[in-house]
Amino acid sequence: MGRCEDKSIFVTAAGQGMGRASAISLACEGANVMATDIREDLLADLSKEAEKKGGRAIKTAALDVTDPGAVTEMIQAQGPLDVLFNCAGFVHQGSIQEASADDLEFSMKINVQSMYHSIRAALPQMLDNGGGSIINMASVCSSVKGLPNRFVYGTTKAAVIGLTKSVAADYVANGVRCN
């Protein structure tokens, strides 16, 4: 316990699923967590749940990760982050013939561009602070493996893997990990 003691951590899509579980676990490890989600109602009892499990209180805020200005403003307002956890994502179902250009564009905004904007907002402070960690939620359904009826999802998650590897290669020597 205490592996994240006093670390400043920003989590997207913390209202449910993996994002919620991660925010609670990080608070239980002593982190100062800012948990965001487009659905503020899903964040309402997050802090209480973390405290019930022995964790720190969690700050929460509504955030639409497809709004670059809002993402940048909120991340920069947090001060230097130790960890950025990009967990927001959308799973489209269907083959290439069942996916419209709008479906692909929407998924690119949530699954890839939101990470681009949040990393660009957090990275300067991480570099000034001597380092940090960026975690991007990817999937085996990506460049790793194709799955039936997941054309758009697999395409965007493959882009996440490429984005992650590029940021890692560019900034690891400056103390910023990207996984």
C-alpha atoms as a PDB file:
ATOM      1  CA  MET A   1       0.000   0.000   0.000  1.00  0.00           C
ATOM      2  CA  GLY A   2       1.029   3.587  -0.532  1.00  0.00           C
ATOM      3  CA  ARG A   3       2.743   2.975  -3.882  1.00  0.00           C
ATOM      4  CA  CYS A   4       1.183   6.167  -5.235  1.00  0.00           C
ATOM      5  CA  GLU A   5       1.489   8.224  -2.053  1.00  0.00           C
ATOM      6  CA  ASP A   6       0.934  11.916  -2.817  1.00  0.00           C
ATOM      7  CA  LYS A   7       1.093  11.373  -6.589  1.00  0.00           C
ATOM      8  CA  SER A   8      -1.147  13.669  -8.632  1.00  0.00           C
ATOM      9  CA  ILE A   9      -3.165  11.512 -11.049  1.00  0.00           C
ATOM     10  CA  PHE A  10      -5.703  12.540 -13.694  1.00  0.00           C
ATOM     11  CA  VAL A  11      -8.122   9.853 -14.941  1.00  0.00           C
ATOM     12  CA  THR A  12     -10.582  10.109 -17.846  1.00  0.00           C
ATOM     13  CA  ALA A  13     -13.740   7.975 -18.079  1.00  0.00           C
ATOM     14  CA  ALA A  14     -13.697   7.294 -14.337  1.00  0.00           C
ATOM     15  CA  GLY A  15     -17.463   6.961 -13.995  1.00  0.00           C
ATOM     16  CA  GLN A  16     -17.632   3.249 -14.660  1.00  0.00           C
ATOM     17  CA  GLY A  17     -15.703   0.153 -15.680  1.00  0.00           C
ATOM     18  CA  MET A  18     -11.907   0.155 -15.766  1.00  0.00           C
ATOM     19  CA  GLY A  19     -11.646   3.909 -15.253  1.00  0.00           C
ATOM     20  CA  ARG A  20     -13.724   3.791 -12.071  1.00  0.00           C
ATOM     21  CA  ALA A  21     -11.891   0.762 -10.673  1.00  0.00           C
ATOM     22  CA  SER A  22      -8.543   2.400 -11.444  1.00  0.00           C
ATOM     23  CA  ALA A  23      -9.479   5.713  -9.804  1.00  0.00           C
ATOM     24  CA  ILE A  24     -10.551   3.905  -6.633  1.00  0.00           C
ATOM     25  CA  SER A  25      -7.440   1.690  -6.582  1.00  0.00           C
ATOM     26  CA  LEU A  26      -5.168   4.686  -7.085  1.00  0.00           C
ATOM     27  CA  ALA A  27      -6.871   6.561  -4.228  1.00  0.00           C
ATOM     28  CA  CYS A  28      -6.409   3.471  -2.051  1.00  0.00           C
ATOM     29  CA  GLU A  29      -2.687   3.601  -2.892  1.00  0.00           C
ATOM     30  CA  GLY A  30      -2.468   7.166  -1.569  1.00  0.00           C
ATOM     31  CA  ALA A  31      -2.827   9.126  -4.805  1.00  0.00           C
ATOM     32  CA  ASN A  32      -4.501  12.508  -5.174  1.00  0.00           C
ATOM     33  CA  VAL A  33      -6.926  11.570  -7.937  1.00  0.00           C
ATOM     34  CA  MET A  34      -8.858  13.873 -10.244  1.00  0.00           C
ATOM     35  CA  ALA A  35     -11.504  11.635 -11.817  1.00  0.00           C
ATOM     36  CA  THR A  36     -13.409  12.857 -14.861  1.00  0.00           C
ATOM     37  CA  ASP A  37     -16.236  11.558 -17.014  1.00  0.00           C
ATOM     38  CA  ILE A  38     -18.721  13.040 -19.443  1.00  0.00           C
ATOM     39  CA  ARG A  39     -21.462  11.694 -17.139  1.00  0.00           C
ATOM     40  CA  GLU A  40     -21.121  13.606 -13.901  1.00  0.00           C
ATOM     41  CA  ASP A  41     -23.885  11.489 -12.328  1.00  0.00           C
ATOM     42  CA  LEU A  42     -21.624   8.429 -12.521  1.00  0.00           C
ATOM     43  CA  LEU A  43     -18.984  10.247 -10.474  1.00  0.00           C
ATOM     44  CA  ALA A  44     -21.355  11.244  -7.661  1.00  0.00           C
ATOM     45  CA  ASP A  45     -20.439   8.456  -5.227  1.00  0.00           C
ATOM     46  CA  LEU A  46     -16.902   7.746  -6.431  1.00  0.00           C
ATOM     47  CA  SER A  47     -15.115   9.522  -3.586  1.00  0.00           C
ATOM     48  CA  LYS A  48     -17.349   7.928  -0.962  1.00  0.00           C
ATOM     49  CA  GLU A  49     -16.641   4.485  -2.430  1.00  0.00           C
ATOM     50  CA  ALA A  50     -12.873   5.099  -2.373  1.00  0.00           C
ATOM     51  CA  GLU A  51     -12.970   6.342   1.221  1.00  0.00           C
ATOM     52  CA  LYS A  52     -15.082   3.345   2.257  1.00  0.00           C
ATOM     53  CA  LYS A  53     -12.280   1.112   0.944  1.00  0.00           C
ATOM     54  CA  GLY A  54      -9.641   3.040   2.873  1.00  0.00           C
ATOM     55  CA  GLY A  55      -8.609   5.383   0.084  1.00  0.00           C
ATOM     56  CA  ARG A  56      -8.262   9.121  -0.138  1.00  0.00           C
ATOM     57  CA  ALA A  57     -11.087  11.380  -1.209  1.00  0.00           C
ATOM     58  CA  ILE A  58     -11.297  11.732  -4.991  1.00  0.00           C
ATOM     59  CA  LYS A  59     -11.937  15.042  -6.733  1.00  0.00           C
ATOM     60  CA  THR A  60     -14.386  14.706  -9.619  1.00  0.00           C
ATOM     61  CA  ALA A  61     -15.483  16.818 -12.556  1.00  0.00           C
ATOM     62  CA  ALA A  62     -17.497  16.455 -15.711  1.00  0.00           C
ATOM     63  CA  LEU A  63     -15.316  16.431 -18.827  1.00  0.00           C
ATOM     64  CA  ASP A  64     -16.079  15.840 -22.482  1.00  0.00           C
ATOM     65  CA  VAL A  65     -12.811  14.411 -23.805  1.00  0.00           C
ATOM     66  CA  THR A  66     -13.844  15.343 -27.356  1.00  0.00           C
ATOM     67  CA  ASP A  67     -13.584  19.038 -26.446  1.00  0.00           C
ATOM     68  CA  PRO A  68      -9.869  19.900 -26.829  1.00  0.00           C
ATOM     69  CA  GLY A  69     -10.189  23.251 -25.063  1.00  0.00           C
ATOM     70  CA  ALA A  70     -11.942  21.757 -22.047  1.00  0.00           C
ATOM     71  CA  VAL A  71      -9.372  18.947 -21.805  1.00  0.00           C
ATOM     72  CA  THR A  72      -6.444  21.370 -21.962  1.00  0.00           C
ATOM     73  CA  GLU A  73      -7.988  23.797 -19.480  1.00  0.00           C
ATOM     74  CA  MET A  74      -8.827  21.117 -16.923  1.00  0.00           C
ATOM     75  CA  ILE A  75      -5.461  19.355 -17.096  1.00  0.00           C
ATOM     76  CA  GLN A  76      -3.474  22.568 -16.891  1.00  0.00           C
ATOM     77  CA  ALA A  77      -5.571  23.696 -13.908  1.00  0.00           C
ATOM     78  CA  GLN A  78      -4.464  20.583 -11.981  1.00  0.00           C
ATOM     79  CA  GLY A  79      -0.855  21.688 -11.832  1.00  0.00           C
ATOM     80  CA  PRO A  80       1.932  19.239 -12.580  1.00  0.00           C
ATOM     81  CA  LEU A  81       0.651  15.693 -12.928  1.00  0.00           C
ATOM     82  CA  ASP A  82       2.638  12.643 -11.971  1.00  0.00           C
ATOM     83  CA  VAL A  83       0.304  10.368 -13.940  1.00  0.00           C
ATOM     84  CA  LEU A  84      -2.143  10.868 -16.788  1.00  0.00           C
ATOM     85  CA  PHE A  85      -4.464   7.901 -17.354  1.00  0.00           C
ATOM     86  CA  ASN A  86      -6.340   8.135 -20.662  1.00  0.00           C
ATOM     87  CA  CYS A  87      -9.121   5.607 -20.199  1.00  0.00           C
ATOM     88  CA  ALA A  88     -11.929   7.145 -22.271  1.00  0.00           C
ATOM     89  CA  GLY A  89     -13.027   4.981 -25.160  1.00  0.00           C
ATOM     90  CA  PHE A  90     -15.899   3.914 -27.357  1.00  0.00           C
ATOM     91  CA  VAL A  91     -16.561   0.456 -28.809  1.00  0.00           C
ATOM     92  CA  HIS A  92     -18.266   0.552 -32.207  1.00  0.00           C
ATOM     93  CA  GLN A  93     -19.753  -2.711 -33.425  1.00  0.00           C
ATOM     94  CA  GLY A  94     -19.712  -3.716 -37.065  1.00  0.00           C
ATOM     95  CA  SER A  95     -17.566  -4.462 -40.082  1.00  0.00           C
ATOM     96  CA  ILE A  96     -16.146  -1.888 -42.502  1.00  0.00           C
ATOM     97  CA  GLN A  97     -19.354  -2.120 -44.524  1.00  0.00           C
ATOM     98  CA  GLU A  98     -21.417  -1.363 -41.444  1.00  0.00           C
ATOM     99  CA  ALA A  99     -19.272   1.565 -40.344  1.00  0.00           C
ATOM    100  CA  SER A 100     -19.942   5.007 -41.704  1.00  0.00           C
ATOM    101  CA  ALA A 101     -17.322   7.705 -42.046  1.00  0.00           C
ATOM    102  CA  ASP A 102     -19.102   9.449 -39.158  1.00  0.00           C
ATOM    103  CA  ASP A 103     -18.699   6.329 -36.994  1.00  0.00           C
ATOM    104  CA  LEU A 104     -14.971   6.294 -37.688  1.00  0.00           C
ATOM    105  CA  GLU A 105     -14.624  10.034 -37.056  1.00  0.00           C
ATOM    106  CA  PHE A 106     -16.547   9.836 -33.763  1.00  0.00           C
ATOM    107  CA  SER A 107     -14.418   6.936 -32.525  1.00  0.00           C
ATOM    108  CA  MET A 108     -11.205   8.663 -33.589  1.00  0.00           C
ATOM    109  CA  LYS A 109     -12.240  11.710 -31.532  1.00  0.00           C
ATOM    110  CA  ILE A 110     -12.836   9.685 -28.374  1.00  0.00           C
ATOM    111  CA  ASN A 111     -10.282   6.886 -28.701  1.00  0.00           C
ATOM    112  CA  VAL A 112      -7.322   8.731 -30.239  1.00  0.00           C
ATOM    113  CA  GLN A 113      -7.665  12.502 -30.456  1.00  0.00           C
ATOM    114  CA  SER A 114      -8.689  12.829 -26.805  1.00  0.00           C
ATOM    115  CA  MET A 115      -5.375  11.187 -25.870  1.00  0.00           C
ATOM    116  CA  TYR A 116      -3.487  13.497 -28.199  1.00  0.00           C
ATOM    117  CA  HIS A 117      -5.027  16.572 -26.554  1.00  0.00           C
ATOM    118  CA  SER A 118      -4.589  15.370 -22.977  1.00  0.00           C
ATOM    119  CA  ILE A 119      -0.965  14.365 -23.540  1.00  0.00           C
ATOM    120  CA  ARG A 120      -0.170  17.726 -25.154  1.00  0.00           C
ATOM    121  CA  ALA A 121      -1.739  19.456 -22.146  1.00  0.00           C
ATOM    122  CA  ALA A 122       0.037  17.371 -19.485  1.00  0.00           C
ATOM    123  CA  LEU A 123       3.439  16.816 -21.078  1.00  0.00           C
ATOM    124  CA  PRO A 124       4.989  20.299 -20.661  1.00  0.00           C
ATOM    125  CA  GLN A 125       4.315  20.229 -16.908  1.00  0.00           C
ATOM    126  CA  MET A 126       5.644  16.672 -16.622  1.00  0.00           C
ATOM    127  CA  LEU A 127       8.830  17.693 -18.407  1.00  0.00           C
ATOM    128  CA  ASP A 128       9.242  20.761 -16.186  1.00  0.00           C
ATOM    129  CA  ASN A 129       8.631  18.566 -13.133  1.00  0.00           C
ATOM    130  CA  GLY A 130      11.324  16.042 -14.103  1.00  0.00           C
ATOM    131  CA  GLY A 131       9.096  13.268 -15.428  1.00  0.00           C
ATOM    132  CA  GLY A 132       5.840  11.404 -15.176  1.00  0.00           C
ATOM    133  CA  SER A 133       3.819   8.531 -16.493  1.00  0.00           C
ATOM    134  CA  ILE A 134       1.212   8.482 -19.250  1.00  0.00           C
ATOM    135  CA  ILE A 135      -1.066   5.472 -19.454  1.00  0.00           C
ATOM    136  CA  ASN A 136      -3.168   5.025 -22.605  1.00  0.00           C
ATOM    137  CA  MET A 137      -5.886   2.387 -22.582  1.00  0.00           C
ATOM    138  CA  ALA A 138      -5.488   0.259 -25.688  1.00  0.00           C
ATOM    139  CA  SER A 139      -6.833  -3.191 -26.518  1.00  0.00           C
ATOM    140  CA  VAL A 140      -5.756  -6.518 -27.919  1.00  0.00           C
ATOM    141  CA  CYS A 141      -8.304  -5.636 -30.620  1.00  0.00           C
ATOM    142  CA  SER A 142      -5.901  -3.351 -32.486  1.00  0.00           C
ATOM    143  CA  SER A 143      -2.714  -3.907 -34.432  1.00  0.00           C
ATOM    144  CA  VAL A 144      -2.227  -6.903 -32.130  1.00  0.00           C
ATOM    145  CA  LYS A 145      -5.287  -8.818 -33.336  1.00  0.00           C
ATOM    146  CA  GLY A 146      -8.335  -8.241 -35.488  1.00  0.00           C
ATOM    147  CA  LEU A 147     -11.694  -9.248 -34.058  1.00  0.00           C
ATOM    148  CA  PRO A 148     -14.968  -9.752 -35.945  1.00  0.00           C
ATOM    149  CA  ASN A 149     -17.315  -6.779 -36.079  1.00  0.00           C
ATOM    150  CA  ARG A 150     -14.836  -4.407 -34.468  1.00  0.00           C
ATOM    151  CA  PHE A 151     -13.471  -2.610 -37.544  1.00  0.00           C
ATOM    152  CA  VAL A 152     -13.672   0.939 -36.169  1.00  0.00           C
ATOM    153  CA  TYR A 153     -12.654  -0.021 -32.639  1.00  0.00           C
ATOM    154  CA  GLY A 154      -9.662  -2.082 -33.799  1.00  0.00           C
ATOM    155  CA  THR A 155      -8.549   0.673 -36.161  1.00  0.00           C
ATOM    156  CA  THR A 156      -8.630   3.345 -33.467  1.00  0.00           C
ATOM    157  CA  LYS A 157      -6.969   1.176 -30.834  1.00  0.00           C
ATOM    158  CA  ALA A 158      -4.178   0.390 -33.312  1.00  0.00           C
ATOM    159  CA  ALA A 159      -3.697   4.146 -33.589  1.00  0.00           C
ATOM    160  CA  VAL A 160      -3.516   4.350 -29.776  1.00  0.00           C
ATOM    161  CA  ILE A 161      -0.686   1.819 -29.789  1.00  0.00           C
ATOM    162  CA  GLY A 162       1.200   3.846 -32.408  1.00  0.00           C
ATOM    163  CA  LEU A 163       0.599   7.097 -30.525  1.00  0.00           C
ATOM    164  CA  THR A 164       1.799   5.504 -27.291  1.00  0.00           C
ATOM    165  CA  LYS A 165       4.979   4.068 -28.798  1.00  0.00           C
ATOM    166  CA  SER A 166       5.810   7.395 -30.445  1.00  0.00           C
ATOM    167  CA  VAL A 167       5.375   9.419 -27.251  1.00  0.00           C
ATOM    168  CA  ALA A 168       7.377   6.813 -25.319  1.00  0.00           C
ATOM    169  CA  ALA A 169      10.267   6.963 -27.794  1.00  0.00           C
ATOM    170  CA  ASP A 170      10.304  10.762 -27.831  1.00  0.00           C
ATOM    171  CA  TYR A 171      10.167  11.402 -24.080  1.00  0.00           C
ATOM    172  CA  VAL A 172      11.542   8.424 -22.136  1.00  0.00           C
ATOM    173  CA  ALA A 173      14.979  10.071 -22.007  1.00  0.00           C
ATOM    174  CA  ASN A 174      13.295  13.048 -20.291  1.00  0.00           C
ATOM    175  CA  GLY A 175      11.784  10.881 -17.560  1.00  0.00           C
ATOM    176  CA  VAL A 176       8.295  10.529 -19.057  1.00  0.00           C
ATOM    177  CA  ARG A 177       7.066   6.979 -19.575  1.00  0.00           C
ATOM    178  CA  CYS A 178       4.174   6.273 -21.913  1.00  0.00           C
ATOM    179  CA  ASN A 179       2.555   2.851 -21.797  1.00  0.00           C
END
